[in-house]
Each structure stands twice: as C-alpha cells, then as structure tokens.
Amino acid sequence: MTRTVRHAWLQPFLSTTLWTLVLIDIAVMTYLENQDFFKDYAGWAWPSVLITGIIGYFIGPAIDRLFSRKSSSANRP
C-alpha cells in the first residue's frame, strides 16, 4: 500500500529516513545537554534538530527509494 499526498512538497514528510534521523538527533541532543563538556554548546542542541529535519527532508526520500529497490528486488524469485 502506497501513501499519496496531494501536494508534492508534503511527500518528503512521509519518509521513514527523515523521521529516523530526527529521532536519533533528539535522543543524542537530550543526552548531550546533561554532559559537562557540552555546556558551552547547549544553545545548538535543539536548532540541530531543525537542521537535521531540513537535511532529512531532501535526502530522506532518496534514501528510502534506494533501500526499497534493493529490498523489493531481493524478494523476487
């Protein structure tokens, strides 16, 4: 079952890779915020999630297509 979106610019938000990258970044930043060596850089913690989301918006769908082709061709007899 494929998901479709009316507006093409919304389609990347359905990317599994995009949300995986964002969740990993949130987990890492949550951990780093409590570390002594990161105190001077704490202001960059949450903007990095936005930056990761923007990067994932552009590369997420391409990575999803790359891996979906490999997995679908591996299942063929």
PDB file of N, CA and C in Angstrom:
ATOM      1  N   MET A   1       0.838  -1.176   0.000  1.00  0.00           N
ATOM      2  CA  MET A   1       0.000   0.000   0.000  1.00  0.00           C
ATOM      3  C   MET A   1       0.882   1.238   0.000  1.00  0.00           C
ATOM      4  N   THR A   2       0.688   2.090  -0.974  1.00  0.00           N
ATOM      5  CA  THR A   2       1.475   3.309  -1.043  1.00  0.00           C
ATOM      6  C   THR A   2       0.644   4.480  -0.541  1.00  0.00           C
ATOM      7  N   ARG A   3       1.319   5.406   0.096  1.00  0.00           N
ATOM      8  CA  ARG A   3       0.653   6.601   0.595  1.00  0.00           C
ATOM      9  C   ARG A   3       0.842   7.718  -0.415  1.00  0.00           C
ATOM     10  N   THR A   4      -0.205   8.454  -0.656  1.00  0.00           N
ATOM     11  CA  THR A   4      -0.102   9.579  -1.574  1.00  0.00           C
ATOM     12  C   THR A   4      -0.508  10.854  -0.845  1.00  0.00           C
ATOM     13  N   VAL A   5       0.080  11.934  -1.295  1.00  0.00           N
ATOM     14  CA  VAL A   5      -0.194  13.251  -0.737  1.00  0.00           C
ATOM     15  C   VAL A   5      -0.568  14.156  -1.893  1.00  0.00           C
ATOM     16  N   ARG A   6      -1.550  15.013  -1.687  1.00  0.00           N
ATOM     17  CA  ARG A   6      -1.986  15.913  -2.762  1.00  0.00           C
ATOM     18  C   ARG A   6      -0.897  16.867  -3.218  1.00  0.00           C
ATOM     19  N   HIS A   7      -0.199  17.433  -2.285  1.00  0.00           N
ATOM     20  CA  HIS A   7       0.833  18.421  -2.629  1.00  0.00           C
ATOM     21  C   HIS A   7       2.200  17.757  -2.591  1.00  0.00           C
ATOM     22  N   ALA A   8       2.946  17.917  -3.667  1.00  0.00           N
ATOM     23  CA  ALA A   8       4.246  17.245  -3.796  1.00  0.00           C
ATOM     24  C   ALA A   8       5.229  17.650  -2.704  1.00  0.00           C
ATOM     25  N   TRP A   9       5.162  18.882  -2.223  1.00  0.00           N
ATOM     26  CA  TRP A   9       6.120  19.329  -1.209  1.00  0.00           C
ATOM     27  C   TRP A   9       5.881  18.661   0.132  1.00  0.00           C
ATOM     28  N   LEU A  10       4.708  18.064   0.350  1.00  0.00           N
ATOM     29  CA  LEU A  10       4.430  17.347   1.595  1.00  0.00           C
ATOM     30  C   LEU A  10       4.932  15.905   1.567  1.00  0.00           C
ATOM     31  N   GLN A  11       5.164  15.362   0.393  1.00  0.00           N
ATOM     32  CA  GLN A  11       5.561  13.964   0.240  1.00  0.00           C
ATOM     33  C   GLN A  11       6.803  13.591   1.055  1.00  0.00           C
ATOM     34  N   PRO A  12       7.867  14.417   1.131  1.00  0.00           N
ATOM     35  CA  PRO A  12       9.043  14.031   1.923  1.00  0.00           C
ATOM     36  C   PRO A  12       8.760  13.833   3.407  1.00  0.00           C
ATOM     37  N   PHE A  13       7.679  14.413   3.928  1.00  0.00           N
ATOM     38  CA  PHE A  13       7.360  14.223   5.338  1.00  0.00           C
ATOM     39  C   PHE A  13       6.903  12.805   5.649  1.00  0.00           C
ATOM     40  N   LEU A  14       6.622  12.007   4.623  1.00  0.00           N
ATOM     41  CA  LEU A  14       6.255  10.607   4.814  1.00  0.00           C
ATOM     42  C   LEU A  14       7.476   9.687   4.811  1.00  0.00           C
ATOM     43  N   SER A  15       8.646  10.262   4.663  1.00  0.00           N
ATOM     44  CA  SER A  15       9.887   9.496   4.602  1.00  0.00           C
ATOM     45  C   SER A  15      10.248   8.904   5.967  1.00  0.00           C
ATOM     46  N   THR A  16      10.455   7.616   5.996  1.00  0.00           N
ATOM     47  CA  THR A  16      10.887   6.948   7.219  1.00  0.00           C
ATOM     48  C   THR A  16      12.274   7.419   7.632  1.00  0.00           C
ATOM     49  N   THR A  17      13.141   7.628   6.664  1.00  0.00           N
ATOM     50  CA  THR A  17      14.503   8.079   6.944  1.00  0.00           C
ATOM     51  C   THR A  17      14.499   9.455   7.604  1.00  0.00           C
ATOM     52  N   LEU A  18      13.654  10.362   7.138  1.00  0.00           N
ATOM     53  CA  LEU A  18      13.564  11.697   7.732  1.00  0.00           C
ATOM     54  C   LEU A  18      13.265  11.596   9.217  1.00  0.00           C
ATOM     55  N   TRP A  19      12.255  10.852   9.586  1.00  0.00           N
ATOM     56  CA  TRP A  19      11.846  10.772  10.994  1.00  0.00           C
ATOM     57  C   TRP A  19      12.836   9.976  11.827  1.00  0.00           C
ATOM     58  N   THR A  20      13.507   9.017  11.215  1.00  0.00           N
ATOM     59  CA  THR A  20      14.545   8.277  11.936  1.00  0.00           C
ATOM     60  C   THR A  20      15.708   9.215  12.282  1.00  0.00           C
ATOM     61  N   LEU A  21      16.138  10.020  11.323  1.00  0.00           N
ATOM     62  CA  LEU A  21      17.223  10.971  11.575  1.00  0.00           C
ATOM     63  C   LEU A  21      16.841  11.975  12.667  1.00  0.00           C
ATOM     64  N   VAL A  22      15.625  12.481  12.613  1.00  0.00           N
ATOM     65  CA  VAL A  22      15.178  13.461  13.605  1.00  0.00           C
ATOM     66  C   VAL A  22      15.124  12.832  14.994  1.00  0.00           C
ATOM     67  N   LEU A  23      14.588  11.627  15.107  1.00  0.00           N
ATOM     68  CA  LEU A  23      14.504  10.971  16.411  1.00  0.00           C
ATOM     69  C   LEU A  23      15.881  10.638  16.984  1.00  0.00           C
ATOM     70  N   ILE A  24      16.803  10.228  16.124  1.00  0.00           N
ATOM     71  CA  ILE A  24      18.170   9.961  16.586  1.00  0.00           C
ATOM     72  C   ILE A  24      18.806  11.255  17.087  1.00  0.00           C
ATOM     73  N   ASP A  25      18.620  12.350  16.349  1.00  0.00           N
ATOM     74  CA  ASP A  25      19.191  13.626  16.772  1.00  0.00           C
ATOM     75  C   ASP A  25      18.584  14.100  18.092  1.00  0.00           C
ATOM     76  N   ILE A  26      17.287  13.934  18.280  1.00  0.00           N
ATOM     77  CA  ILE A  26      16.653  14.308  19.547  1.00  0.00           C
ATOM     78  C   ILE A  26      17.243  13.497  20.694  1.00  0.00           C
ATOM     79  N   ALA A  27      17.429  12.196  20.476  1.00  0.00           N
ATOM     80  CA  ALA A  27      17.991  11.345  21.531  1.00  0.00           C
ATOM     81  C   ALA A  27      19.419  11.766  21.881  1.00  0.00           C
ATOM     82  N   VAL A  28      20.228  12.024  20.869  1.00  0.00           N
ATOM     83  CA  VAL A  28      21.622  12.426  21.104  1.00  0.00           C
ATOM     84  C   VAL A  28      21.684  13.773  21.803  1.00  0.00           C
ATOM     85  N   MET A  29      20.895  14.734  21.357  1.00  0.00           N
ATOM     86  CA  MET A  29      20.922  16.060  21.973  1.00  0.00           C
ATOM     87  C   MET A  29      20.394  16.021  23.404  1.00  0.00           C
ATOM     88  N   THR A  30      19.402  15.208  23.666  1.00  0.00           N
ATOM     89  CA  THR A  30      18.892  15.081  25.028  1.00  0.00           C
ATOM     90  C   THR A  30      19.975  14.535  25.951  1.00  0.00           C
ATOM     91  N   TYR A  31      20.734  13.579  25.463  1.00  0.00           N
ATOM     92  CA  TYR A  31      21.837  13.024  26.252  1.00  0.00           C
ATOM     93  C   TYR A  31      22.956  14.055  26.439  1.00  0.00           C
ATOM     94  N   LEU A  32      23.339  14.717  25.362  1.00  0.00           N
ATOM     95  CA  LEU A  32      24.468  15.648  25.424  1.00  0.00           C
ATOM     96  C   LEU A  32      24.189  16.884  26.267  1.00  0.00           C
ATOM     97  N   GLU A  33      22.944  17.301  26.341  1.00  0.00           N
ATOM     98  CA  GLU A  33      22.638  18.509  27.116  1.00  0.00           C
ATOM     99  C   GLU A  33      23.033  18.379  28.581  1.00  0.00           C
ATOM    100  N   ASN A  34      23.076  17.180  29.093  1.00  0.00           N
ATOM    101  CA  ASN A  34      23.398  16.972  30.505  1.00  0.00           C
ATOM    102  C   ASN A  34      24.876  16.679  30.753  1.00  0.00           C
ATOM    103  N   GLN A  35      25.690  16.766  29.715  1.00  0.00           N
ATOM    104  CA  GLN A  35      27.119  16.480  29.864  1.00  0.00           C
ATOM    105  C   GLN A  35      27.894  17.769  30.106  1.00  0.00           C
ATOM    106  N   ASP A  36      28.902  17.700  30.970  1.00  0.00           N
ATOM    107  CA  ASP A  36      29.695  18.885  31.308  1.00  0.00           C
ATOM    108  C   ASP A  36      30.404  19.489  30.102  1.00  0.00           C
ATOM    109  N   PHE A  37      30.988  18.648  29.249  1.00  0.00           N
ATOM    110  CA  PHE A  37      31.748  19.164  28.109  1.00  0.00           C
ATOM    111  C   PHE A  37      30.861  19.865  27.084  1.00  0.00           C
ATOM    112  N   PHE A  38      29.545  19.638  27.142  1.00  0.00           N
ATOM    113  CA  PHE A  38      28.629  20.207  26.150  1.00  0.00           C
ATOM    114  C   PHE A  38      27.949  21.488  26.634  1.00  0.00           C
ATOM    115  N   LYS A  39      28.199  21.902  27.864  1.00  0.00           N
ATOM    116  CA  LYS A  39      27.508  23.064  28.437  1.00  0.00           C
ATOM    117  C   LYS A  39      27.697  24.328  27.598  1.00  0.00           C
ATOM    118  N   ASP A  40      28.873  24.532  27.048  1.00  0.00           N
ATOM    119  CA  ASP A  40      29.125  25.733  26.242  1.00  0.00           C
ATOM    120  C   ASP A  40      28.376  25.717  24.906  1.00  0.00           C
ATOM    121  N   TYR A  41      27.973  24.538  24.461  1.00  0.00           N
ATOM    122  CA  TYR A  41      27.318  24.388  23.160  1.00  0.00           C
ATOM    123  C   TYR A  41      25.839  24.049  23.284  1.00  0.00           C
ATOM    124  N   ALA A  42      25.280  24.142  24.468  1.00  0.00           N
ATOM    125  CA  ALA A  42      23.890  23.748  24.695  1.00  0.00           C
ATOM    126  C   ALA A  42      22.908  24.539  23.837  1.00  0.00           C
ATOM    127  N   GLY A  43      23.252  25.735  23.457  1.00  0.00           N
ATOM    128  CA  GLY A  43      22.387  26.534  22.595  1.00  0.00           C
ATOM    129  C   GLY A  43      22.179  25.943  21.221  1.00  0.00           C
ATOM    130  N   TRP A  44      23.084  25.070  20.798  1.00  0.00           N
ATOM    131  CA  TRP A  44      22.976  24.433  19.482  1.00  0.00           C
ATOM    132  C   TRP A  44      22.213  23.117  19.515  1.00  0.00           C
ATOM    133  N   ALA A  45      21.850  22.675  20.696  1.00  0.00           N
ATOM    134  CA  ALA A  45      21.223  21.359  20.813  1.00  0.00           C
ATOM    135  C   ALA A  45      19.925  21.259  20.016  1.00  0.00           C
ATOM    136  N   TRP A  46      18.975  22.121  20.275  1.00  0.00           N
ATOM    137  CA  TRP A  46      17.686  21.990  19.609  1.00  0.00           C
ATOM    138  C   TRP A  46      17.646  22.578  18.208  1.00  0.00           C
ATOM    139  N   PRO A  47      18.398  23.619  17.889  1.00  0.00           N
ATOM    140  CA  PRO A  47      18.450  24.011  16.478  1.00  0.00           C
ATOM    141  C   PRO A  47      19.010  22.900  15.578  1.00  0.00           C
ATOM    142  N   SER A  48      19.848  22.027  16.144  1.00  0.00           N
ATOM    143  CA  SER A  48      20.381  20.929  15.326  1.00  0.00           C
ATOM    144  C   SER A  48      19.277  19.970  14.899  1.00  0.00           C
ATOM    145  N   VAL A  49      18.215  19.859  15.689  1.00  0.00           N
ATOM    146  CA  VAL A  49      17.081  19.003  15.304  1.00  0.00           C
ATOM    147  C   VAL A  49      16.395  19.597  14.077  1.00  0.00           C
ATOM    148  N   LEU A  50      16.220  20.909  14.060  1.00  0.00           N
ATOM    149  CA  LEU A  50      15.634  21.566  12.900  1.00  0.00           C
ATOM    150  C   LEU A  50      16.528  21.392  11.672  1.00  0.00           C
ATOM    151  N   ILE A  51      17.825  21.567  11.853  1.00  0.00           N
ATOM    152  CA  ILE A  51      18.771  21.386  10.745  1.00  0.00           C
ATOM    153  C   ILE A  51      18.721  19.948  10.229  1.00  0.00           C
ATOM    154  N   THR A  52      18.666  18.982  11.129  1.00  0.00           N
ATOM    155  CA  THR A  52      18.570  17.578  10.726  1.00  0.00           C
ATOM    156  C   THR A  52      17.279  17.323   9.967  1.00  0.00           C
ATOM    157  N   GLY A  53      16.196  17.933  10.407  1.00  0.00           N
ATOM    158  CA  GLY A  53      14.923  17.782   9.701  1.00  0.00           C
ATOM    159  C   GLY A  53      14.974  18.339   8.291  1.00  0.00           C
ATOM    160  N   ILE A  54      15.623  19.491   8.132  1.00  0.00           N
ATOM    161  CA  ILE A  54      15.740  20.090   6.804  1.00  0.00           C
ATOM    162  C   ILE A  54      16.597  19.213   5.893  1.00  0.00           C
ATOM    163  N   ILE A  55      17.705  18.718   6.406  1.00  0.00           N
ATOM    164  CA  ILE A  55      18.559  17.825   5.615  1.00  0.00           C
ATOM    165  C   ILE A  55      17.797  16.542   5.282  1.00  0.00           C
ATOM    166  N   GLY A  56      17.099  15.981   6.270  1.00  0.00           N
ATOM    167  CA  GLY A  56      16.327  14.763   6.045  1.00  0.00           C
ATOM    168  C   GLY A  56      15.202  14.954   5.050  1.00  0.00           C
ATOM    169  N   TYR A  57      14.641  16.164   4.980  1.00  0.00           N
ATOM    170  CA  TYR A  57      13.580  16.464   4.018  1.00  0.00           C
ATOM    171  C   TYR A  57      14.072  16.235   2.592  1.00  0.00           C
ATOM    172  N   PHE A  58      15.336  16.590   2.342  1.00  0.00           N
ATOM    173  CA  PHE A  58      15.868  16.459   0.993  1.00  0.00           C
ATOM    174  C   PHE A  58      16.485  15.090   0.711  1.00  0.00           C
ATOM    175  N   ILE A  59      17.173  14.495   1.680  1.00  0.00           N
ATOM    176  CA  ILE A  59      17.830  13.217   1.407  1.00  0.00           C
ATOM    177  C   ILE A  59      17.001  12.011   1.838  1.00  0.00           C
ATOM    178  N   GLY A  60      16.018  12.208   2.704  1.00  0.00           N
ATOM    179  CA  GLY A  60      15.215  11.094   3.206  1.00  0.00           C
ATOM    180  C   GLY A  60      14.508  10.295   2.121  1.00  0.00           C
ATOM    181  N   PRO A  61      13.737  10.944   1.226  1.00  0.00           N
ATOM    182  CA  PRO A  61      13.055  10.188   0.180  1.00  0.00           C
ATOM    183  C   PRO A  61      14.011   9.442  -0.752  1.00  0.00           C
ATOM    184  N   ALA A  62      15.165  10.047  -1.048  1.00  0.00           N
ATOM    185  CA  ALA A  62      16.138   9.377  -1.919  1.00  0.00           C
ATOM    186  C   ALA A  62      16.686   8.115  -1.252  1.00  0.00           C
ATOM    187  N   ILE A  63      16.978   8.202   0.033  1.00  0.00           N
ATOM    188  CA  ILE A  63      17.477   7.024   0.753  1.00  0.00           C
ATOM    189  C   ILE A  63      16.392   5.963   0.853  1.00  0.00           C
ATOM    190  N   ASP A  64      15.148   6.374   1.081  1.00  0.00           N
ATOM    191  CA  ASP A  64      14.037   5.414   1.118  1.00  0.00           C
ATOM    192  C   ASP A  64      13.909   4.674  -0.211  1.00  0.00           C
ATOM    193  N   ARG A  65      13.996   5.418  -1.315  1.00  0.00           N
ATOM    194  CA  ARG A  65      13.898   4.768  -2.639  1.00  0.00           C
ATOM    195  C   ARG A  65      15.073   3.822  -2.882  1.00  0.00           C
ATOM    196  N   LEU A  66      16.254   4.217  -2.458  1.00  0.00           N
ATOM    197  CA  LEU A  66      17.443   3.386  -2.649  1.00  0.00           C
ATOM    198  C   LEU A  66      17.273   2.033  -1.959  1.00  0.00           C
ATOM    199  N   PHE A  67      16.823   2.057  -0.712  1.00  0.00           N
ATOM    200  CA  PHE A  67      16.684   0.811   0.032  1.00  0.00           C
ATOM    201  C   PHE A  67      15.434   0.039  -0.347  1.00  0.00           C
ATOM    202  N   SER A  68      14.389   0.702  -0.810  1.00  0.00           N
ATOM    203  CA  SER A  68      13.190  -0.034  -1.208  1.00  0.00           C
ATOM    204  C   SER A  68      13.428  -0.800  -2.505  1.00  0.00           C
ATOM    205  N   ARG A  69      14.256  -0.275  -3.392  1.00  0.00           N
ATOM    206  CA  ARG A  69      14.591  -1.003  -4.620  1.00  0.00           C
ATOM    207  C   ARG A  69      15.370  -2.263  -4.303  1.00  0.00           C
ATOM    208  N   LYS A  70      16.349  -2.167  -3.415  1.00  0.00           N
ATOM    209  CA  LYS A  70      17.155  -3.335  -3.068  1.00  0.00           C
ATOM    210  C   LYS A  70      16.321  -4.398  -2.385  1.00  0.00           C
ATOM    211  N   SER A  71      15.447  -4.003  -1.472  1.00  0.00           N
ATOM    212  CA  SER A  71      14.659  -4.981  -0.746  1.00  0.00           C
ATOM    213  C   SER A  71      13.599  -5.619  -1.640  1.00  0.00           C
ATOM    214  N   SER A  72      13.006  -4.864  -2.571  1.00  0.00           N
ATOM    215  CA  SER A  72      11.984  -5.442  -3.446  1.00  0.00           C
ATOM    216  C   SER A  72      12.614  -6.365  -4.483  1.00  0.00           C
ATOM    217  N   SER A  73      13.821  -6.070  -4.957  1.00  0.00           N
ATOM    218  CA  SER A  73      14.476  -6.950  -5.925  1.00  0.00           C
ATOM    219  C   SER A  73      15.015  -8.217  -5.260  1.00  0.00           C
ATOM    220  N   ALA A  74      15.302  -8.161  -3.974  1.00  0.00           N
ATOM    221  CA  ALA A  74      15.797  -9.340  -3.256  1.00  0.00           C
ATOM    222  C   ALA A  74      14.686 -10.356  -3.022  1.00  0.00           C
ATOM    223  N   ASN A  75      13.435  -9.907  -3.009  1.00  0.00           N
ATOM    224  CA  ASN A  75      12.321 -10.812  -2.750  1.00  0.00           C
ATOM    225  C   ASN A  75      11.804 -11.503  -4.007  1.00  0.00           C
ATOM    226  N   ARG A  76      12.290 -11.144  -5.158  1.00  0.00           N
ATOM    227  CA  ARG A  76      11.830 -11.766  -6.406  1.00  0.00           C
ATOM    228  C   ARG A  76      12.467 -13.120  -6.605  1.00  0.00           C
ATOM    229  N   PRO A  77      11.710 -14.065  -7.152  1.00  0.00           N
ATOM    230  CA  PRO A  77      12.287 -15.421  -7.387  1.00  0.00           C
ATOM    231  C   PRO A  77      13.244 -15.452  -8.536  1.00  0.00           C
TER     232      PRO A  77
END
